[in-house]
Amino acid sequence: IDHLVHTLVERVVPYYALKQQRQDLNFEGPDIEIKKRIDIHKRAEKYHKDQIEHVEDARYLVASQSQPSRKYDVDVDAYSCNCLDFP
């Protein structure tokens, strides 16, 4: 366990601290989560109302763009979706 703590403190934490500093100074682009969210927002604009079915309260069934017969369960309140691309 000492080796694990040493590795985390001496290598992992400094690596991510430096990575965050580079992102803060705009030397690197947005992190993976932000990139994924930007991609999701761009794809969301391609949907039409007829591809979204209101199920109940904040739950919807949304047709897949690549396989229209497949529908994904989206819960707006729980911020969840059962599609593979959801972060």
PDB file of N, CA and C in Angstrom:
ATOM      1  N   ILE A   1       0.822  -1.194   0.000  1.00  0.00           N
ATOM      2  CA  ILE A   1       0.000   0.000   0.000  1.00  0.00           C
ATOM      3  C   ILE A   1       0.870   1.264   0.000  1.00  0.00           C
ATOM      4  N   ASP A   2       2.056   1.180   0.618  1.00  0.00           N
ATOM      5  CA  ASP A   2       2.973   2.324   0.620  1.00  0.00           C
ATOM      6  C   ASP A   2       3.379   2.705  -0.797  1.00  0.00           C
ATOM      7  N   HIS A   3       3.598   1.672  -1.628  1.00  0.00           N
ATOM      8  CA  HIS A   3       3.987   1.940  -3.016  1.00  0.00           C
ATOM      9  C   HIS A   3       2.854   2.651  -3.765  1.00  0.00           C
ATOM     10  N   LEU A   4       1.626   2.221  -3.514  1.00  0.00           N
ATOM     11  CA  LEU A   4       0.470   2.846  -4.158  1.00  0.00           C
ATOM     12  C   LEU A   4       0.338   4.310  -3.754  1.00  0.00           C
ATOM     13  N   VAL A   5       0.448   4.586  -2.470  1.00  0.00           N
ATOM     14  CA  VAL A   5       0.359   5.968  -1.983  1.00  0.00           C
ATOM     15  C   VAL A   5       1.483   6.805  -2.576  1.00  0.00           C
ATOM     16  N   HIS A   6       2.685   6.246  -2.609  1.00  0.00           N
ATOM     17  CA  HIS A   6       3.830   6.960  -3.183  1.00  0.00           C
ATOM     18  C   HIS A   6       3.575   7.291  -4.660  1.00  0.00           C
ATOM     19  N   THR A   7       3.091   6.304  -5.406  1.00  0.00           N
ATOM     20  CA  THR A   7       2.817   6.515  -6.831  1.00  0.00           C
ATOM     21  C   THR A   7       1.757   7.590  -7.027  1.00  0.00           C
ATOM     22  N   LEU A   8       0.689   7.540  -6.241  1.00  0.00           N
ATOM     23  CA  LEU A   8      -0.363   8.550  -6.358  1.00  0.00           C
ATOM     24  C   LEU A   8       0.152   9.947  -6.046  1.00  0.00           C
ATOM     25  N   VAL A   9       0.902  10.068  -4.962  1.00  0.00           N
ATOM     26  CA  VAL A   9       1.367  11.385  -4.515  1.00  0.00           C
ATOM     27  C   VAL A   9       2.481  11.930  -5.395  1.00  0.00           C
ATOM     28  N   GLU A  10       3.384  11.080  -5.813  1.00  0.00           N
ATOM     29  CA  GLU A  10       4.566  11.542  -6.545  1.00  0.00           C
ATOM     30  C   GLU A  10       4.381  11.602  -8.054  1.00  0.00           C
ATOM     31  N   ARG A  11       3.453  10.817  -8.596  1.00  0.00           N
ATOM     32  CA  ARG A  11       3.329  10.771 -10.057  1.00  0.00           C
ATOM     33  C   ARG A  11       1.947  11.170 -10.575  1.00  0.00           C
ATOM     34  N   VAL A  12       0.917  10.564 -10.025  1.00  0.00           N
ATOM     35  CA  VAL A  12      -0.429  10.764 -10.564  1.00  0.00           C
ATOM     36  C   VAL A  12      -0.952  12.166 -10.272  1.00  0.00           C
ATOM     37  N   VAL A  13      -0.894  12.585  -9.023  1.00  0.00           N
ATOM     38  CA  VAL A  13      -1.413  13.907  -8.655  1.00  0.00           C
ATOM     39  C   VAL A  13      -0.678  15.020  -9.401  1.00  0.00           C
ATOM     40  N   PRO A  14       0.668  15.020  -9.442  1.00  0.00           N
ATOM     41  CA  PRO A  14       1.351  16.077 -10.201  1.00  0.00           C
ATOM     42  C   PRO A  14       0.996  16.069 -11.694  1.00  0.00           C
ATOM     43  N   TYR A  15       0.811  14.879 -12.276  1.00  0.00           N
ATOM     44  CA  TYR A  15       0.448  14.788 -13.686  1.00  0.00           C
ATOM     45  C   TYR A  15      -0.879  15.505 -13.943  1.00  0.00           C
ATOM     46  N   TYR A  16      -1.901  15.184 -13.131  1.00  0.00           N
ATOM     47  CA  TYR A  16      -3.208  15.795 -13.345  1.00  0.00           C
ATOM     48  C   TYR A  16      -3.236  17.272 -12.950  1.00  0.00           C
ATOM     49  N   ALA A  17      -2.438  17.649 -11.983  1.00  0.00           N
ATOM     50  CA  ALA A  17      -2.356  19.069 -11.614  1.00  0.00           C
ATOM     51  C   ALA A  17      -1.775  19.874 -12.770  1.00  0.00           C
ATOM     52  N   LEU A  18      -0.718  19.360 -13.388  1.00  0.00           N
ATOM     53  CA  LEU A  18      -0.112  20.045 -14.532  1.00  0.00           C
ATOM     54  C   LEU A  18      -1.068  20.059 -15.723  1.00  0.00           C
ATOM     55  N   LYS A  19      -1.761  18.947 -15.942  1.00  0.00           N
ATOM     56  CA  LYS A  19      -2.740  18.885 -17.034  1.00  0.00           C
ATOM     57  C   LYS A  19      -3.828  19.939 -16.836  1.00  0.00           C
ATOM     58  N   GLN A  20      -4.316  20.087 -15.610  1.00  0.00           N
ATOM     59  CA  GLN A  20      -5.341  21.091 -15.319  1.00  0.00           C
ATOM     60  C   GLN A  20      -4.801  22.498 -15.553  1.00  0.00           C
ATOM     61  N   GLN A  21      -3.560  22.750 -15.155  1.00  0.00           N
ATOM     62  CA  GLN A  21      -2.954  24.068 -15.377  1.00  0.00           C
ATOM     63  C   GLN A  21      -2.863  24.373 -16.865  1.00  0.00           C
ATOM     64  N   ARG A  22      -2.484  23.378 -17.670  1.00  0.00           N
ATOM     65  CA  ARG A  22      -2.398  23.593 -19.119  1.00  0.00           C
ATOM     66  C   ARG A  22      -3.772  23.905 -19.697  1.00  0.00           C
ATOM     67  N   GLN A  23      -4.799  23.221 -19.204  1.00  0.00           N
ATOM     68  CA  GLN A  23      -6.154  23.507 -19.678  1.00  0.00           C
ATOM     69  C   GLN A  23      -6.597  24.899 -19.241  1.00  0.00           C
ATOM     70  N   ASP A  24      -6.288  25.273 -18.006  1.00  0.00           N
ATOM     71  CA  ASP A  24      -6.669  26.596 -17.497  1.00  0.00           C
ATOM     72  C   ASP A  24      -6.030  27.717 -18.297  1.00  0.00           C
ATOM     73  N   LEU A  25      -4.818  27.484 -18.808  1.00  0.00           N
ATOM     74  CA  LEU A  25      -4.099  28.503 -19.577  1.00  0.00           C
ATOM     75  C   LEU A  25      -4.360  28.394 -21.076  1.00  0.00           C
ATOM     76  N   ASN A  26      -5.294  27.515 -21.451  1.00  0.00           N
ATOM     77  CA  ASN A  26      -5.687  27.304 -22.856  1.00  0.00           C
ATOM     78  C   ASN A  26      -4.574  26.730 -23.720  1.00  0.00           C
ATOM     79  N   PHE A  27      -3.613  26.037 -23.103  1.00  0.00           N
ATOM     80  CA  PHE A  27      -2.597  25.340 -23.889  1.00  0.00           C
ATOM     81  C   PHE A  27      -3.126  24.007 -24.389  1.00  0.00           C
ATOM     82  N   GLU A  28      -4.152  23.499 -23.741  1.00  0.00           N
ATOM     83  CA  GLU A  28      -4.818  22.277 -24.172  1.00  0.00           C
ATOM     84  C   GLU A  28      -6.297  22.579 -24.286  1.00  0.00           C
ATOM     85  N   GLY A  29      -6.970  21.804 -25.111  1.00  0.00           N
ATOM     86  CA  GLY A  29      -8.398  22.011 -25.297  1.00  0.00           C
ATOM     87  C   GLY A  29      -9.197  21.547 -24.104  1.00  0.00           C
ATOM     88  N   PRO A  30     -10.504  21.576 -24.234  1.00  0.00           N
ATOM     89  CA  PRO A  30     -11.373  21.172 -23.128  1.00  0.00           C
ATOM     90  C   PRO A  30     -11.172  19.700 -22.780  1.00  0.00           C
ATOM     91  N   ASP A  31     -11.507  19.338 -21.573  1.00  0.00           N
ATOM     92  CA  ASP A  31     -11.343  17.953 -21.164  1.00  0.00           C
ATOM     93  C   ASP A  31     -12.353  17.067 -21.887  1.00  0.00           C
ATOM     94  N   ILE A  32     -12.225  15.777 -21.697  1.00  0.00           N
ATOM     95  CA  ILE A  32     -13.044  14.817 -22.429  1.00  0.00           C
ATOM     96  C   ILE A  32     -14.531  15.025 -22.165  1.00  0.00           C
ATOM     97  N   GLU A  33     -14.901  15.295 -20.924  1.00  0.00           N
ATOM     98  CA  GLU A  33     -16.313  15.489 -20.599  1.00  0.00           C
ATOM     99  C   GLU A  33     -16.887  16.679 -21.358  1.00  0.00           C
ATOM    100  N   ILE A  34     -16.153  17.779 -21.396  1.00  0.00           N
ATOM    101  CA  ILE A  34     -16.635  18.975 -22.098  1.00  0.00           C
ATOM    102  C   ILE A  34     -16.740  18.697 -23.593  1.00  0.00           C
ATOM    103  N   LYS A  35     -15.738  18.019 -24.168  1.00  0.00           N
ATOM    104  CA  LYS A  35     -15.792  17.669 -25.591  1.00  0.00           C
ATOM    105  C   LYS A  35     -17.028  16.819 -25.884  1.00  0.00           C
ATOM    106  N   LYS A  36     -17.301  15.856 -25.003  1.00  0.00           N
ATOM    107  CA  LYS A  36     -18.451  14.974 -25.202  1.00  0.00           C
ATOM    108  C   LYS A  36     -19.759  15.756 -25.113  1.00  0.00           C
ATOM    109  N   ARG A  37     -19.862  16.673 -24.161  1.00  0.00           N
ATOM    110  CA  ARG A  37     -21.080  17.481 -24.018  1.00  0.00           C
ATOM    111  C   ARG A  37     -21.304  18.377 -25.239  1.00  0.00           C
ATOM    112  N   ILE A  38     -20.231  18.962 -25.768  1.00  0.00           N
ATOM    113  CA  ILE A  38     -20.334  19.792 -26.971  1.00  0.00           C
ATOM    114  C   ILE A  38     -20.846  18.950 -28.129  1.00  0.00           C
ATOM    115  N   ASP A  39     -20.310  17.737 -28.265  1.00  0.00           N
ATOM    116  CA  ASP A  39     -20.735  16.832 -29.327  1.00  0.00           C
ATOM    117  C   ASP A  39     -22.212  16.466 -29.172  1.00  0.00           C
ATOM    118  N   ILE A  40     -22.638  16.195 -27.945  1.00  0.00           N
ATOM    119  CA  ILE A  40     -24.042  15.849 -27.689  1.00  0.00           C
ATOM    120  C   ILE A  40     -24.962  17.007 -28.056  1.00  0.00           C
ATOM    121  N   HIS A  41     -24.591  18.224 -27.695  1.00  0.00           N
ATOM    122  CA  HIS A  41     -25.420  19.390 -28.027  1.00  0.00           C
ATOM    123  C   HIS A  41     -25.519  19.585 -29.537  1.00  0.00           C
ATOM    124  N   LYS A  42     -24.433  19.363 -30.261  1.00  0.00           N
ATOM    125  CA  LYS A  42     -24.470  19.496 -31.723  1.00  0.00           C
ATOM    126  C   LYS A  42     -25.405  18.464 -32.334  1.00  0.00           C
ATOM    127  N   ARG A  43     -25.325  17.216 -31.849  1.00  0.00           N
ATOM    128  CA  ARG A  43     -26.187  16.165 -32.384  1.00  0.00           C
ATOM    129  C   ARG A  43     -27.642  16.369 -31.983  1.00  0.00           C
ATOM    130  N   ALA A  44     -27.880  16.934 -30.807  1.00  0.00           N
ATOM    131  CA  ALA A  44     -29.253  17.160 -30.339  1.00  0.00           C
ATOM    132  C   ALA A  44     -30.007  18.112 -31.259  1.00  0.00           C
ATOM    133  N   GLU A  45     -29.294  19.038 -31.877  1.00  0.00           N
ATOM    134  CA  GLU A  45     -29.934  20.005 -32.779  1.00  0.00           C
ATOM    135  C   GLU A  45     -30.484  19.341 -34.036  1.00  0.00           C
ATOM    136  N   LYS A  46     -30.045  18.127 -34.342  1.00  0.00           N
ATOM    137  CA  LYS A  46     -30.481  17.428 -35.552  1.00  0.00           C
ATOM    138  C   LYS A  46     -31.807  16.683 -35.367  1.00  0.00           C
ATOM    139  N   TYR A  47     -32.267  16.576 -34.124  1.00  0.00           N
ATOM    140  CA  TYR A  47     -33.502  15.842 -33.858  1.00  0.00           C
ATOM    141  C   TYR A  47     -34.727  16.681 -34.190  1.00  0.00           C
ATOM    142  N   HIS A  48     -35.789  15.977 -34.635  1.00  0.00           N
ATOM    143  CA  HIS A  48     -37.074  16.608 -34.917  1.00  0.00           C
ATOM    144  C   HIS A  48     -38.070  16.170 -33.844  1.00  0.00           C
ATOM    145  N   LYS A  49     -39.131  16.936 -33.681  1.00  0.00           N
ATOM    146  CA  LYS A  49     -40.133  16.630 -32.654  1.00  0.00           C
ATOM    147  C   LYS A  49     -40.739  15.246 -32.832  1.00  0.00           C
ATOM    148  N   ASP A  50     -40.879  14.804 -34.083  1.00  0.00           N
ATOM    149  CA  ASP A  50     -41.494  13.496 -34.314  1.00  0.00           C
ATOM    150  C   ASP A  50     -40.587  12.331 -33.913  1.00  0.00           C
ATOM    151  N   GLN A  51     -39.335  12.604 -33.578  1.00  0.00           N
ATOM    152  CA  GLN A  51     -38.409  11.564 -33.128  1.00  0.00           C
ATOM    153  C   GLN A  51     -38.383  11.442 -31.601  1.00  0.00           C
ATOM    154  N   ILE A  52     -39.148  12.280 -30.923  1.00  0.00           N
ATOM    155  CA  ILE A  52     -39.157  12.306 -29.460  1.00  0.00           C
ATOM    156  C   ILE A  52     -40.575  12.027 -28.969  1.00  0.00           C
ATOM    157  N   GLU A  53     -40.695  11.016 -28.122  1.00  0.00           N
ATOM    158  CA  GLU A  53     -42.000  10.626 -27.582  1.00  0.00           C
ATOM    159  C   GLU A  53     -42.006  10.845 -26.067  1.00  0.00           C
ATOM    160  N   HIS A  54     -42.951  11.644 -25.597  1.00  0.00           N
ATOM    161  CA  HIS A  54     -43.078  11.903 -24.159  1.00  0.00           C
ATOM    162  C   HIS A  54     -43.732  10.696 -23.499  1.00  0.00           C
ATOM    163  N   VAL A  55     -43.074  10.128 -22.487  1.00  0.00           N
ATOM    164  CA  VAL A  55     -43.592   8.944 -21.805  1.00  0.00           C
ATOM    165  C   VAL A  55     -44.353   9.345 -20.546  1.00  0.00           C
ATOM    166  N   GLU A  56     -43.674  10.020 -19.634  1.00  0.00           N
ATOM    167  CA  GLU A  56     -44.298  10.494 -18.393  1.00  0.00           C
ATOM    168  C   GLU A  56     -43.380  11.516 -17.753  1.00  0.00           C
ATOM    169  N   ASP A  57     -43.957  12.456 -17.052  1.00  0.00           N
ATOM    170  CA  ASP A  57     -43.202  13.504 -16.352  1.00  0.00           C
ATOM    171  C   ASP A  57     -41.995  13.966 -17.168  1.00  0.00           C
ATOM    172  N   ALA A  58     -40.803  13.606 -16.725  1.00  0.00           N
ATOM    173  CA  ALA A  58     -39.582  14.059 -17.393  1.00  0.00           C
ATOM    174  C   ALA A  58     -38.918  12.948 -18.201  1.00  0.00           C
ATOM    175  N   ARG A  59     -39.668  11.884 -18.521  1.00  0.00           N
ATOM    176  CA  ARG A  59     -39.120  10.762 -19.289  1.00  0.00           C
ATOM    177  C   ARG A  59     -39.582  10.821 -20.739  1.00  0.00           C
ATOM    178  N   TYR A  60     -38.631  10.512 -21.637  1.00  0.00           N
ATOM    179  CA  TYR A  60     -38.891  10.544 -23.068  1.00  0.00           C
ATOM    180  C   TYR A  60     -38.252   9.334 -23.733  1.00  0.00           C
ATOM    181  N   LEU A  61     -38.807   8.925 -24.852  1.00  0.00           N
ATOM    182  CA  LEU A  61     -38.180   7.945 -25.721  1.00  0.00           C
ATOM    183  C   LEU A  61     -37.708   8.706 -26.946  1.00  0.00           C
ATOM    184  N   VAL A  62     -36.425   8.565 -27.248  1.00  0.00           N
ATOM    185  CA  VAL A  62     -35.834   9.312 -28.353  1.00  0.00           C
ATOM    186  C   VAL A  62     -35.276   8.322 -29.364  1.00  0.00           C
ATOM    187  N   ALA A  63     -35.662   8.487 -30.632  1.00  0.00           N
ATOM    188  CA  ALA A  63     -35.193   7.595 -31.687  1.00  0.00           C
ATOM    189  C   ALA A  63     -33.712   7.821 -31.968  1.00  0.00           C
ATOM    190  N   SER A  64     -33.018   6.736 -32.225  1.00  0.00           N
ATOM    191  CA  SER A  64     -31.601   6.807 -32.574  1.00  0.00           C
ATOM    192  C   SER A  64     -31.442   7.459 -33.943  1.00  0.00           C
ATOM    193  N   GLN A  65     -30.395   8.245 -34.120  1.00  0.00           N
ATOM    194  CA  GLN A  65     -30.131   8.869 -35.422  1.00  0.00           C
ATOM    195  C   GLN A  65     -29.652   7.822 -36.430  1.00  0.00           C
ATOM    196  N   SER A  66     -28.858   6.857 -35.973  1.00  0.00           N
ATOM    197  CA  SER A  66     -28.298   5.865 -36.889  1.00  0.00           C
ATOM    198  C   SER A  66     -29.233   4.673 -37.108  1.00  0.00           C
ATOM    199  N   GLN A  67     -30.074   4.352 -36.114  1.00  0.00           N
ATOM    200  CA  GLN A  67     -31.036   3.255 -36.218  1.00  0.00           C
ATOM    201  C   GLN A  67     -32.398   3.757 -35.738  1.00  0.00           C
ATOM    202  N   PRO A  68     -33.177   4.391 -36.607  1.00  0.00           N
ATOM    203  CA  PRO A  68     -34.437   5.022 -36.200  1.00  0.00           C
ATOM    204  C   PRO A  68     -35.423   4.094 -35.484  1.00  0.00           C
ATOM    205  N   SER A  69     -35.332   2.787 -35.713  1.00  0.00           N
ATOM    206  CA  SER A  69     -36.252   1.866 -35.032  1.00  0.00           C
ATOM    207  C   SER A  69     -35.859   1.651 -33.566  1.00  0.00           C
ATOM    208  N   ARG A  70     -34.649   2.017 -33.213  1.00  0.00           N
ATOM    209  CA  ARG A  70     -34.173   1.883 -31.826  1.00  0.00           C
ATOM    210  C   ARG A  70     -34.474   3.168 -31.064  1.00  0.00           C
ATOM    211  N   LYS A  71     -34.992   3.012 -29.838  1.00  0.00           N
ATOM    212  CA  LYS A  71     -35.326   4.190 -29.030  1.00  0.00           C
ATOM    213  C   LYS A  71     -34.585   4.138 -27.702  1.00  0.00           C
ATOM    214  N   TYR A  72     -34.171   5.313 -27.241  1.00  0.00           N
ATOM    215  CA  TYR A  72     -33.442   5.428 -25.986  1.00  0.00           C
ATOM    216  C   TYR A  72     -34.309   6.106 -24.936  1.00  0.00           C
ATOM    217  N   ASP A  73     -34.173   5.629 -23.706  1.00  0.00           N
ATOM    218  CA  ASP A  73     -34.924   6.169 -22.579  1.00  0.00           C
ATOM    219  C   ASP A  73     -34.144   7.337 -21.981  1.00  0.00           C
ATOM    220  N   VAL A  74     -34.729   8.523 -22.017  1.00  0.00           N
ATOM    221  CA  VAL A  74     -34.085   9.728 -21.495  1.00  0.00           C
ATOM    222  C   VAL A  74     -34.909  10.255 -20.328  1.00  0.00           C
ATOM    223  N   ASP A  75     -34.242  10.476 -19.209  1.00  0.00           N
ATOM    224  CA  ASP A  75     -34.893  11.054 -18.033  1.00  0.00           C
ATOM    225  C   ASP A  75     -34.237  12.400 -17.759  1.00  0.00           C
ATOM    226  N   VAL A  76     -34.962  13.471 -18.012  1.00  0.00           N
ATOM    227  CA  VAL A  76     -34.415  14.819 -17.877  1.00  0.00           C
ATOM    228  C   VAL A  76     -34.131  15.161 -16.418  1.00  0.00           C
ATOM    229  N   ASP A  77     -35.013  14.746 -15.507  1.00  0.00           N
ATOM    230  CA  ASP A  77     -34.800  15.041 -14.086  1.00  0.00           C
ATOM    231  C   ASP A  77     -33.593  14.302 -13.516  1.00  0.00           C
ATOM    232  N   ALA A  78     -33.449  13.029 -13.892  1.00  0.00           N
ATOM    233  CA  ALA A  78     -32.329  12.227 -13.382  1.00  0.00           C
ATOM    234  C   ALA A  78     -31.062  12.443 -14.198  1.00  0.00           C
ATOM    235  N   TYR A  79     -31.175  13.197 -15.295  1.00  0.00           N
ATOM    236  CA  TYR A  79     -30.056  13.458 -16.194  1.00  0.00           C
ATOM    237  C   TYR A  79     -29.421  12.139 -16.627  1.00  0.00           C
ATOM    238  N   SER A  80     -30.258  11.261 -17.191  1.00  0.00           N
ATOM    239  CA  SER A  80     -29.765   9.952 -17.604  1.00  0.00           C
ATOM    240  C   SER A  80     -30.320   9.571 -18.964  1.00  0.00           C
ATOM    241  N   CYS A  81     -29.565   8.701 -19.623  1.00  0.00           N
ATOM    242  CA  CYS A  81     -29.958   8.167 -20.921  1.00  0.00           C
ATOM    243  C   CYS A  81     -29.287   6.804 -21.051  1.00  0.00           C
ATOM    244  N   ASN A  82     -29.973   5.835 -21.641  1.00  0.00           N
ATOM    245  CA  ASN A  82     -29.384   4.509 -21.766  1.00  0.00           C
ATOM    246  C   ASN A  82     -28.633   4.304 -23.082  1.00  0.00           C
ATOM    247  N   CYS A  83     -28.325   5.382 -23.791  1.00  0.00           N
ATOM    248  CA  CYS A  83     -27.550   5.257 -25.023  1.00  0.00           C
ATOM    249  C   CYS A  83     -26.054   5.180 -24.693  1.00  0.00           C
ATOM    250  N   LEU A  84     -25.280   4.625 -25.610  1.00  0.00           N
ATOM    251  CA  LEU A  84     -23.850   4.439 -25.382  1.00  0.00           C
ATOM    252  C   LEU A  84     -23.076   5.749 -25.346  1.00  0.00           C
ATOM    253  N   ASP A  85     -23.560   6.766 -26.025  1.00  0.00           N
ATOM    254  CA  ASP A  85     -22.823   8.032 -26.107  1.00  0.00           C
ATOM    255  C   ASP A  85     -23.045   8.962 -24.929  1.00  0.00           C
ATOM    256  N   PHE A  86     -23.950   8.603 -24.037  1.00  0.00           N
ATOM    257  CA  PHE A  86     -24.224   9.505 -22.917  1.00  0.00           C
ATOM    258  C   PHE A  86     -23.090   9.436 -21.905  1.00  0.00           C
ATOM    259  N   PRO A  87     -22.625  10.615 -21.462  1.00  0.00           N
ATOM    260  CA  PRO A  87     -21.457  10.613 -20.552  1.00  0.00           C
ATOM    261  C   PRO A  87     -21.718  10.006 -19.192  1.00  0.00           C
TER     262      PRO A  87
END
